[in-house]
PDB file of N, CA and C in Angstrom:
ATOM      1  N   MET A   1     109.069 207.307 169.423  1.00  0.00           N
ATOM      2  CA  MET A   1     108.029 206.310 169.439  1.00  0.00           C
ATOM      3  C   MET A   1     107.876 205.781 170.866  1.00  0.00           C
ATOM      4  N   ALA A   2     106.651 205.659 171.313  1.00  0.00           N
ATOM      5  CA  ALA A   2     106.385 205.169 172.668  1.00  0.00           C
ATOM      6  C   ALA A   2     106.773 203.700 172.782  1.00  0.00           C
ATOM      7  N   GLN A   3     107.286 203.344 173.933  1.00  0.00           N
ATOM      8  CA  GLN A   3     107.699 201.967 174.202  1.00  0.00           C
ATOM      9  C   GLN A   3     106.681 201.308 175.125  1.00  0.00           C
ATOM     10  N   THR A   4     106.596 199.987 175.064  1.00  0.00           N
ATOM     11  CA  THR A   4     105.732 199.229 175.949  1.00  0.00           C
ATOM     12  C   THR A   4     106.468 197.959 176.373  1.00  0.00           C
ATOM     13  N   ASN A   5     106.002 197.329 177.434  1.00  0.00           N
ATOM     14  CA  ASN A   5     106.596 196.091 177.938  1.00  0.00           C
ATOM     15  C   ASN A   5     105.732 194.902 177.569  1.00  0.00           C
ATOM     16  N   ILE A   6     106.393 193.775 177.356  1.00  0.00           N
ATOM     17  CA  ILE A   6     105.715 192.507 177.093  1.00  0.00           C
ATOM     18  C   ILE A   6     106.324 191.477 178.035  1.00  0.00           C
ATOM     19  N   ASN A   7     105.491 190.679 178.666  1.00  0.00           N
ATOM     20  CA  ASN A   7     105.975 189.577 179.505  1.00  0.00           C
ATOM     21  C   ASN A   7     105.798 188.273 178.744  1.00  0.00           C
ATOM     22  N   ILE A   8     106.845 187.473 178.676  1.00  0.00           N
ATOM     23  CA  ILE A   8     106.804 186.189 177.975  1.00  0.00           C
ATOM     24  C   ILE A   8     107.215 185.097 178.944  1.00  0.00           C
ATOM     25  N   ARG A   9     106.439 184.039 178.980  1.00  0.00           N
ATOM     26  CA  ARG A   9     106.786 182.888 179.806  1.00  0.00           C
ATOM     27  C   ARG A   9     107.378 181.812 178.910  1.00  0.00           C
ATOM     28  N   MET A  10     108.498 181.246 179.342  1.00  0.00           N
ATOM     29  CA  MET A  10     109.110 180.140 178.617  1.00  0.00           C
ATOM     30  C   MET A  10     109.920 179.297 179.584  1.00  0.00           C
ATOM     31  N   ASP A  11     110.270 178.122 179.131  1.00  0.00           N
ATOM     32  CA  ASP A  11     111.082 177.203 179.909  1.00  0.00           C
ATOM     33  C   ASP A  11     112.395 177.884 180.293  1.00  0.00           C
ATOM     34  N   GLU A  12     112.803 177.720 181.530  1.00  0.00           N
ATOM     35  CA  GLU A  12     114.010 178.377 182.039  1.00  0.00           C
ATOM     36  C   GLU A  12     115.253 178.007 181.237  1.00  0.00           C
ATOM     37  N   GLU A  13     115.395 176.736 180.895  1.00  0.00           N
ATOM     38  CA  GLU A  13     116.571 176.298 180.136  1.00  0.00           C
ATOM     39  C   GLU A  13     116.553 176.892 178.729  1.00  0.00           C
ATOM     40  N   LEU A  14     115.380 176.945 178.100  1.00  0.00           N
ATOM     41  CA  LEU A  14     115.257 177.560 176.786  1.00  0.00           C
ATOM     42  C   LEU A  14     115.659 179.033 176.842  1.00  0.00           C
ATOM     43  N   LYS A  15     115.241 179.728 177.887  1.00  0.00           N
ATOM     44  CA  LYS A  15     115.595 181.141 178.054  1.00  0.00           C
ATOM     45  C   LYS A  15     117.109 181.296 178.144  1.00  0.00           C
ATOM     46  N   LYS A  16     117.752 180.443 178.926  1.00  0.00           N
ATOM     47  CA  LYS A  16     119.207 180.515 179.066  1.00  0.00           C
ATOM     48  C   LYS A  16     119.896 180.281 177.723  1.00  0.00           C
ATOM     49  N   GLN A  17     119.427 179.293 176.981  1.00  0.00           N
ATOM     50  CA  GLN A  17     120.025 178.983 175.686  1.00  0.00           C
ATOM     51  C   GLN A  17     119.792 180.119 174.694  1.00  0.00           C
ATOM     52  N   PHE A  18     118.580 180.686 174.696  1.00  0.00           N
ATOM     53  CA  PHE A  18     118.261 181.781 173.793  1.00  0.00           C
ATOM     54  C   PHE A  18     119.075 183.020 174.143  1.00  0.00           C
ATOM     55  N   ASP A  19     119.202 183.301 175.416  1.00  0.00           N
ATOM     56  CA  ASP A  19     119.991 184.445 175.873  1.00  0.00           C
ATOM     57  C   ASP A  19     121.453 184.276 175.452  1.00  0.00           C
ATOM     58  N   ALA A  20     121.982 183.068 175.594  1.00  0.00           N
ATOM     59  CA  ALA A  20     123.366 182.795 175.200  1.00  0.00           C
ATOM     60  C   ALA A  20     123.541 182.991 173.694  1.00  0.00           C
ATOM     61  N   PHE A  21     122.579 182.505 172.913  1.00  0.00           N
ATOM     62  CA  PHE A  21     122.646 182.692 171.462  1.00  0.00           C
ATOM     63  C   PHE A  21     122.646 184.175 171.114  1.00  0.00           C
ATOM     64  N   CYS A  22     121.704 184.912 171.687  1.00  0.00           N
ATOM     65  CA  CYS A  22     121.606 186.341 171.408  1.00  0.00           C
ATOM     66  C   CYS A  22     122.916 187.037 171.756  1.00  0.00           C
ATOM     67  N   SER A  23     123.476 186.687 172.875  1.00  0.00           N
ATOM     68  CA  SER A  23     124.753 187.257 173.305  1.00  0.00           C
ATOM     69  C   SER A  23     125.847 186.945 172.296  1.00  0.00           C
ATOM     70  N   ASP A  24     125.877 185.696 171.814  1.00  0.00           N
ATOM     71  CA  ASP A  24     126.890 185.270 170.843  1.00  0.00           C
ATOM     72  C   ASP A  24     126.811 186.069 169.546  1.00  0.00           C
ATOM     73  N   VAL A  25     125.604 186.463 169.138  1.00  0.00           N
ATOM     74  CA  VAL A  25     125.454 187.207 167.881  1.00  0.00           C
ATOM     75  C   VAL A  25     125.398 188.714 168.125  1.00  0.00           C
ATOM     76  N   GLY A  26     125.603 189.138 169.368  1.00  0.00           N
ATOM     77  CA  GLY A  26     125.726 190.553 169.681  1.00  0.00           C
ATOM     78  C   GLY A  26     124.429 191.321 169.803  1.00  0.00           C
ATOM     79  N   MET A  27     123.391 190.656 170.271  1.00  0.00           N
ATOM     80  CA  MET A  27     122.130 191.363 170.486  1.00  0.00           C
ATOM     81  C   MET A  27     121.472 190.894 171.766  1.00  0.00           C
ATOM     82  N   SER A  28     120.534 191.677 172.238  1.00  0.00           N
ATOM     83  CA  SER A  28     119.773 191.296 173.425  1.00  0.00           C
ATOM     84  C   SER A  28     118.564 190.460 172.993  1.00  0.00           C
ATOM     85  N   MET A  29     117.944 189.799 173.946  1.00  0.00           N
ATOM     86  CA  MET A  29     116.723 189.070 173.644  1.00  0.00           C
ATOM     87  C   MET A  29     115.636 190.039 173.185  1.00  0.00           C
ATOM     88  N   THR A  30     115.591 191.225 173.771  1.00  0.00           N
ATOM     89  CA  THR A  30     114.610 192.233 173.363  1.00  0.00           C
ATOM     90  C   THR A  30     114.781 192.571 171.882  1.00  0.00           C
ATOM     91  N   THR A  31     116.021 192.781 171.453  1.00  0.00           N
ATOM     92  CA  THR A  31     116.284 193.086 170.046  1.00  0.00           C
ATOM     93  C   THR A  31     115.842 191.928 169.158  1.00  0.00           C
ATOM     94  N   ALA A  32     116.136 190.686 169.565  1.00  0.00           N
ATOM     95  CA  ALA A  32     115.751 189.517 168.776  1.00  0.00           C
ATOM     96  C   ALA A  32     114.238 189.433 168.632  1.00  0.00           C
ATOM     97  N   PHE A  33     113.502 189.654 169.726  1.00  0.00           N
ATOM     98  CA  PHE A  33     112.046 189.597 169.655  1.00  0.00           C
ATOM     99  C   PHE A  33     111.496 190.742 168.811  1.00  0.00           C
ATOM    100  N   CYS A  34     112.103 191.926 168.880  1.00  0.00           N
ATOM    101  CA  CYS A  34     111.661 193.064 168.052  1.00  0.00           C
ATOM    102  C   CYS A  34     111.902 192.776 166.570  1.00  0.00           C
ATOM    103  N   ILE A  35     113.049 192.170 166.252  1.00  0.00           N
ATOM    104  CA  ILE A  35     113.317 191.790 164.856  1.00  0.00           C
ATOM    105  C   ILE A  35     112.262 190.813 164.376  1.00  0.00           C
ATOM    106  N   PHE A  36     111.945 189.823 165.212  1.00  0.00           N
ATOM    107  CA  PHE A  36     110.912 188.843 164.863  1.00  0.00           C
ATOM    108  C   PHE A  36     109.577 189.548 164.614  1.00  0.00           C
ATOM    109  N   ALA A  37     109.156 190.407 165.537  1.00  0.00           N
ATOM    110  CA  ALA A  37     107.869 191.097 165.413  1.00  0.00           C
ATOM    111  C   ALA A  37     107.821 191.972 164.162  1.00  0.00           C
ATOM    112  N   LYS A  38     108.891 192.711 163.898  1.00  0.00           N
ATOM    113  CA  LYS A  38     108.926 193.582 162.715  1.00  0.00           C
ATOM    114  C   LYS A  38     108.852 192.759 161.430  1.00  0.00           C
ATOM    115  N   THR A  39     109.527 191.625 161.405  1.00  0.00           N
ATOM    116  CA  THR A  39     109.496 190.753 160.226  1.00  0.00           C
ATOM    117  C   THR A  39     108.109 190.173 160.014  1.00  0.00           C
ATOM    118  N   VAL A  40     107.451 189.751 161.077  1.00  0.00           N
ATOM    119  CA  VAL A  40     106.080 189.218 160.983  1.00  0.00           C
ATOM    120  C   VAL A  40     105.144 190.285 160.414  1.00  0.00           C
ATOM    121  N   VAL A  41     105.235 191.495 160.941  1.00  0.00           N
ATOM    122  CA  VAL A  41     104.355 192.577 160.490  1.00  0.00           C
ATOM    123  C   VAL A  41     104.643 192.927 159.031  1.00  0.00           C
ATOM    124  N   ARG A  42     105.910 193.007 158.664  1.00  0.00           N
ATOM    125  CA  ARG A  42     106.287 193.372 157.300  1.00  0.00           C
ATOM    126  C   ARG A  42     105.873 192.297 156.293  1.00  0.00           C
ATOM    127  N   GLN A  43     106.071 191.029 156.630  1.00  0.00           N
ATOM    128  CA  GLN A  43     105.805 189.938 155.686  1.00  0.00           C
ATOM    129  C   GLN A  43     104.398 189.350 155.816  1.00  0.00           C
ATOM    130  N   HIS A  44     103.706 189.708 156.894  1.00  0.00           N
ATOM    131  CA  HIS A  44     102.373 189.147 157.172  1.00  0.00           C
ATOM    132  C   HIS A  44     102.404 187.624 157.252  1.00  0.00           C
ATOM    133  N   ARG A  45     103.459 187.114 157.854  1.00  0.00           N
ATOM    134  CA  ARG A  45     103.590 185.667 158.054  1.00  0.00           C
ATOM    135  C   ARG A  45     104.682 185.416 159.077  1.00  0.00           C
ATOM    136  N   ILE A  46     104.684 184.205 159.640  1.00  0.00           N
ATOM    137  CA  ILE A  46     105.780 183.787 160.500  1.00  0.00           C
ATOM    138  C   ILE A  46     106.981 183.583 159.575  1.00  0.00           C
ATOM    139  N   PRO A  47     108.137 184.175 159.862  1.00  0.00           N
ATOM    140  CA  PRO A  47     109.256 184.153 158.918  1.00  0.00           C
ATOM    141  C   PRO A  47     110.065 182.858 158.884  1.00  0.00           C
ATOM    142  N   PHE A  48     109.461 181.765 159.260  1.00  0.00           N
ATOM    143  CA  PHE A  48     110.108 180.466 159.164  1.00  0.00           C
ATOM    144  C   PHE A  48     109.016 179.423 159.130  1.00  0.00           C
ATOM    145  N   GLU A  49     109.359 178.225 158.678  1.00  0.00           N
ATOM    146  CA  GLU A  49     108.382 177.156 158.566  1.00  0.00           C
ATOM    147  C   GLU A  49     108.026 176.619 159.947  1.00  0.00           C
ATOM    148  N   ILE A  50     106.741 176.432 160.165  1.00  0.00           N
ATOM    149  CA  ILE A  50     106.255 175.802 161.391  1.00  0.00           C
ATOM    150  C   ILE A  50     105.585 174.503 160.967  1.00  0.00           C
ATOM    151  N   SER A  51     105.993 173.419 161.565  1.00  0.00           N
ATOM    152  CA  SER A  51     105.496 172.119 161.142  1.00  0.00           C
ATOM    153  C   SER A  51     105.272 171.213 162.339  1.00  0.00           C
ATOM    154  N   THR A  52     104.306 170.343 162.220  1.00  0.00           N
ATOM    155  CA  THR A  52     104.099 169.342 163.263  1.00  0.00           C
ATOM    156  C   THR A  52     104.932 168.105 162.997  1.00  0.00           C
ATOM    157  N   ASP A  53     105.580 168.082 161.833  1.00  0.00           N
ATOM    158  CA  ASP A  53     106.434 166.941 161.499  1.00  0.00           C
ATOM    159  C   ASP A  53     107.657 166.949 162.400  1.00  0.00           C
ATOM    160  N   SER A  54     107.998 165.786 162.851  1.00  0.00           N
ATOM    161  CA  SER A  54     109.221 165.671 163.634  1.00  0.00           C
ATOM    162  C   SER A  54     110.373 165.363 162.685  1.00  0.00           C
ATOM    163  N   ASP A  55     111.500 165.041 163.211  1.00  0.00           N
ATOM    164  CA  ASP A  55     112.679 164.721 162.418  1.00  0.00           C
ATOM    165  C   ASP A  55     112.333 163.637 161.403  1.00  0.00           C
ATOM    166  N   PRO A  56     112.550 163.889 160.095  1.00  0.00           N
ATOM    167  CA  PRO A  56     112.193 162.900 159.072  1.00  0.00           C
ATOM    168  C   PRO A  56     112.940 161.577 159.224  1.00  0.00           C
ATOM    169  N   PHE A  57     114.066 161.592 159.920  1.00  0.00           N
ATOM    170  CA  PHE A  57     114.790 160.343 160.137  1.00  0.00           C
ATOM    171  C   PHE A  57     113.916 159.341 160.876  1.00  0.00           C
ATOM    172  N   TYR A  58     113.065 159.831 161.785  1.00  0.00           N
ATOM    173  CA  TYR A  58     112.235 158.956 162.601  1.00  0.00           C
ATOM    174  C   TYR A  58     110.846 158.742 162.017  1.00  0.00           C
ATOM    175  N   SER A  59     110.630 159.142 160.775  1.00  0.00           N
ATOM    176  CA  SER A  59     109.322 158.944 160.146  1.00  0.00           C
ATOM    177  C   SER A  59     109.062 157.453 159.980  1.00  0.00           C
ATOM    178  N   PRO A  60     107.790 157.043 159.991  1.00  0.00           N
ATOM    179  CA  PRO A  60     107.467 155.619 159.815  1.00  0.00           C
ATOM    180  C   PRO A  60     108.056 155.045 158.521  1.00  0.00           C
ATOM    181  N   ALA A  61     108.042 155.816 157.444  1.00  0.00           N
ATOM    182  CA  ALA A  61     108.578 155.327 156.168  1.00  0.00           C
ATOM    183  C   ALA A  61     110.079 155.066 156.267  1.00  0.00           C
ATOM    184  N   ASN A  62     110.814 155.968 156.906  1.00  0.00           N
ATOM    185  CA  ASN A  62     112.255 155.780 157.014  1.00  0.00           C
ATOM    186  C   ASN A  62     112.595 154.646 157.973  1.00  0.00           C
ATOM    187  N   ILE A  63     111.858 154.529 159.070  1.00  0.00           N
ATOM    188  CA  ILE A  63     112.106 153.420 160.007  1.00  0.00           C
ATOM    189  C   ILE A  63     111.892 152.088 159.300  1.00  0.00           C
ATOM    190  N   GLU A  64     110.826 152.001 158.476  1.00  0.00           N
ATOM    191  CA  GLU A  64     110.563 150.774 157.729  1.00  0.00           C
ATOM    192  C   GLU A  64     111.702 150.484 156.747  1.00  0.00           C
ATOM    193  N   ARG A  65     112.195 151.518 156.064  1.00  0.00           N
ATOM    194  CA  ARG A  65     113.311 151.349 155.136  1.00  0.00           C
ATOM    195  C   ARG A  65     114.561 150.857 155.865  1.00  0.00           C
ATOM    196  N   LEU A  66     114.824 151.415 157.037  1.00  0.00           N
ATOM    197  CA  LEU A  66     115.982 150.988 157.821  1.00  0.00           C
ATOM    198  C   LEU A  66     115.853 149.535 158.259  1.00  0.00           C
ATOM    199  N   LYS A  67     114.645 149.139 158.643  1.00  0.00           N
ATOM    200  CA  LYS A  67     114.421 147.742 159.043  1.00  0.00           C
ATOM    201  C   LYS A  67     114.652 146.800 157.865  1.00  0.00           C
ATOM    202  N   ARG A  68     114.163 147.191 156.676  1.00  0.00           N
ATOM    203  CA  ARG A  68     114.377 146.350 155.486  1.00  0.00           C
ATOM    204  C   ARG A  68     115.867 146.254 155.160  1.00  0.00           C
ATOM    205  N   SER A  69     116.564 147.361 155.263  1.00  0.00           N
ATOM    206  CA  SER A  69     118.005 147.369 154.990  1.00  0.00           C
ATOM    207  C   SER A  69     118.754 146.484 155.978  1.00  0.00           C
ATOM    208  N   ALA A  70     118.383 146.555 157.242  1.00  0.00           N
ATOM    209  CA  ALA A  70     119.036 145.727 158.265  1.00  0.00           C
ATOM    210  C   ALA A  70     118.757 144.250 158.018  1.00  0.00           C
ATOM    211  N   ALA A  71     117.514 143.934 157.659  1.00  0.00           N
ATOM    212  CA  ALA A  71     117.164 142.542 157.385  1.00  0.00           C
ATOM    213  C   ALA A  71     117.934 142.025 156.171  1.00  0.00           C
ATOM    214  N   GLN A  72     118.045 142.844 155.128  1.00  0.00           N
ATOM    215  CA  GLN A  72     118.788 142.450 153.936  1.00  0.00           C
ATOM    216  C   GLN A  72     120.261 142.239 154.263  1.00  0.00           C
ATOM    217  N   MET A  73     120.795 143.084 155.107  1.00  0.00           N
ATOM    218  CA  MET A  73     122.191 142.971 155.502  1.00  0.00           C
ATOM    219  C   MET A  73     122.423 141.681 156.293  1.00  0.00           C
ATOM    220  N   GLU A  74     121.493 141.362 157.195  1.00  0.00           N
ATOM    221  CA  GLU A  74     121.627 140.130 157.982  1.00  0.00           C
ATOM    222  C   GLU A  74     121.515 138.903 157.079  1.00  0.00           C
ATOM    223  N   LYS A  75     120.614 138.951 156.100  1.00  0.00           N
ATOM    224  CA  LYS A  75     120.399 137.832 155.191  1.00  0.00           C
ATOM    225  C   LYS A  75     121.594 137.624 154.260  1.00  0.00           C
ATOM    226  N   ASN A  76     122.115 138.704 153.698  1.00  0.00           N
ATOM    227  CA  ASN A  76     123.178 138.615 152.691  1.00  0.00           C
ATOM    228  C   ASN A  76     124.575 138.765 153.267  1.00  0.00           C
ATOM    229  N   GLY A  77     124.658 139.043 154.531  1.00  0.00           N
ATOM    230  CA  GLY A  77     125.965 139.250 155.140  1.00  0.00           C
ATOM    231  C   GLY A  77     126.349 140.715 155.100  1.00  0.00           C
ATOM    232  N   GLY A  78     127.265 141.049 155.908  1.00  0.00           N
ATOM    233  CA  GLY A  78     127.714 142.426 155.997  1.00  0.00           C
ATOM    234  C   GLY A  78     128.241 142.665 157.396  1.00  0.00           C
ATOM    235  N   THR A  79     128.747 143.828 157.606  1.00  0.00           N
ATOM    236  CA  THR A  79     129.297 144.174 158.900  1.00  0.00           C
ATOM    237  C   THR A  79     128.471 145.296 159.507  1.00  0.00           C
ATOM    238  N   VAL A  80     128.040 145.085 160.718  1.00  0.00           N
ATOM    239  CA  VAL A  80     127.288 146.106 161.432  1.00  0.00           C
ATOM    240  C   VAL A  80     128.262 146.852 162.320  1.00  0.00           C
ATOM    241  N   HIS A  81     128.254 148.159 162.215  1.00  0.00           N
ATOM    242  CA  HIS A  81     129.130 148.997 163.022  1.00  0.00           C
ATOM    243  C   HIS A  81     128.299 149.812 163.979  1.00  0.00           C
ATOM    244  N   GLU A  82     128.751 149.912 165.198  1.00  0.00           N
ATOM    245  CA  GLU A  82     128.104 150.775 166.172  1.00  0.00           C
ATOM    246  C   GLU A  82     128.497 152.213 165.867  1.00  0.00           C
ATOM    247  N   ILE A  83     127.571 153.112 166.015  1.00  0.00           N
ATOM    248  CA  ILE A  83     127.867 154.520 165.824  1.00  0.00           C
ATOM    249  C   ILE A  83     128.406 155.062 167.128  1.00  0.00           C
ATOM    250  N   GLY A  84     129.528 155.692 167.060  1.00  0.00           N
ATOM    251  CA  GLY A  84     130.146 156.236 168.263  1.00  0.00           C
ATOM    252  C   GLY A  84     130.884 157.521 167.940  1.00  0.00           C
ATOM    253  N   ALA A  85     131.501 158.050 168.918  1.00  0.00           N
ATOM    254  CA  ALA A  85     132.263 159.281 168.744  1.00  0.00           C
ATOM    255  C   ALA A  85     133.487 159.015 167.885  1.00  0.00           C
ATOM    256  N   ILE A  86     133.815 159.950 167.039  1.00  0.00           N
ATOM    257  CA  ILE A  86     135.011 159.860 166.226  1.00  0.00           C
ATOM    258  C   ILE A  86     136.156 160.494 167.009  1.00  0.00           C
ATOM    259  N   GLU A  87     137.208 159.740 167.144  1.00  0.00           N
ATOM    260  CA  GLU A  87     138.353 160.250 167.905  1.00  0.00           C
ATOM    261  C   GLU A  87     139.306 160.958 166.964  1.00  0.00           C
ATOM    262  N   ASP A  88     139.788 162.071 167.388  1.00  0.00           N
ATOM    263  CA  ASP A  88     140.777 162.841 166.618  1.00  0.00           C
ATOM    264  C   ASP A  88     142.150 162.431 167.116  1.00  0.00           C
ATOM    265  N   ASN A  89     142.935 161.841 166.242  1.00  0.00           N
ATOM    266  CA  ASN A  89     144.255 161.333 166.629  1.00  0.00           C
ATOM    267  C   ASN A  89     145.371 162.331 166.352  1.00  0.00           C
ATOM    268  N   ASP A  90     145.030 163.571 166.090  1.00  0.00           N
ATOM    269  CA  ASP A  90     146.055 164.602 165.824  1.00  0.00           C
ATOM    270  C   ASP A  90     146.696 165.078 167.086  1.00  0.00           C
TER     271      ASP A  90
END
């Protein structure tokens, strides 16, 4: 089968991270892109969900719920803890 070249532009840091991932799983970036292309052609769709939604934690509904919870905690009492790194004492 004849081969052809494709040029892809992407953020330099993203390329480094993607290359490292591919290396970790034992494939080249070329192989990863070929797998993606073959899957798209076979399934006639992008093989993963694409969404404009950001992290649901930061959704307006969840932020409002968190604010209500914080207000209830301040009103009724409770202990507020800062989120920080968990230390391993082993």
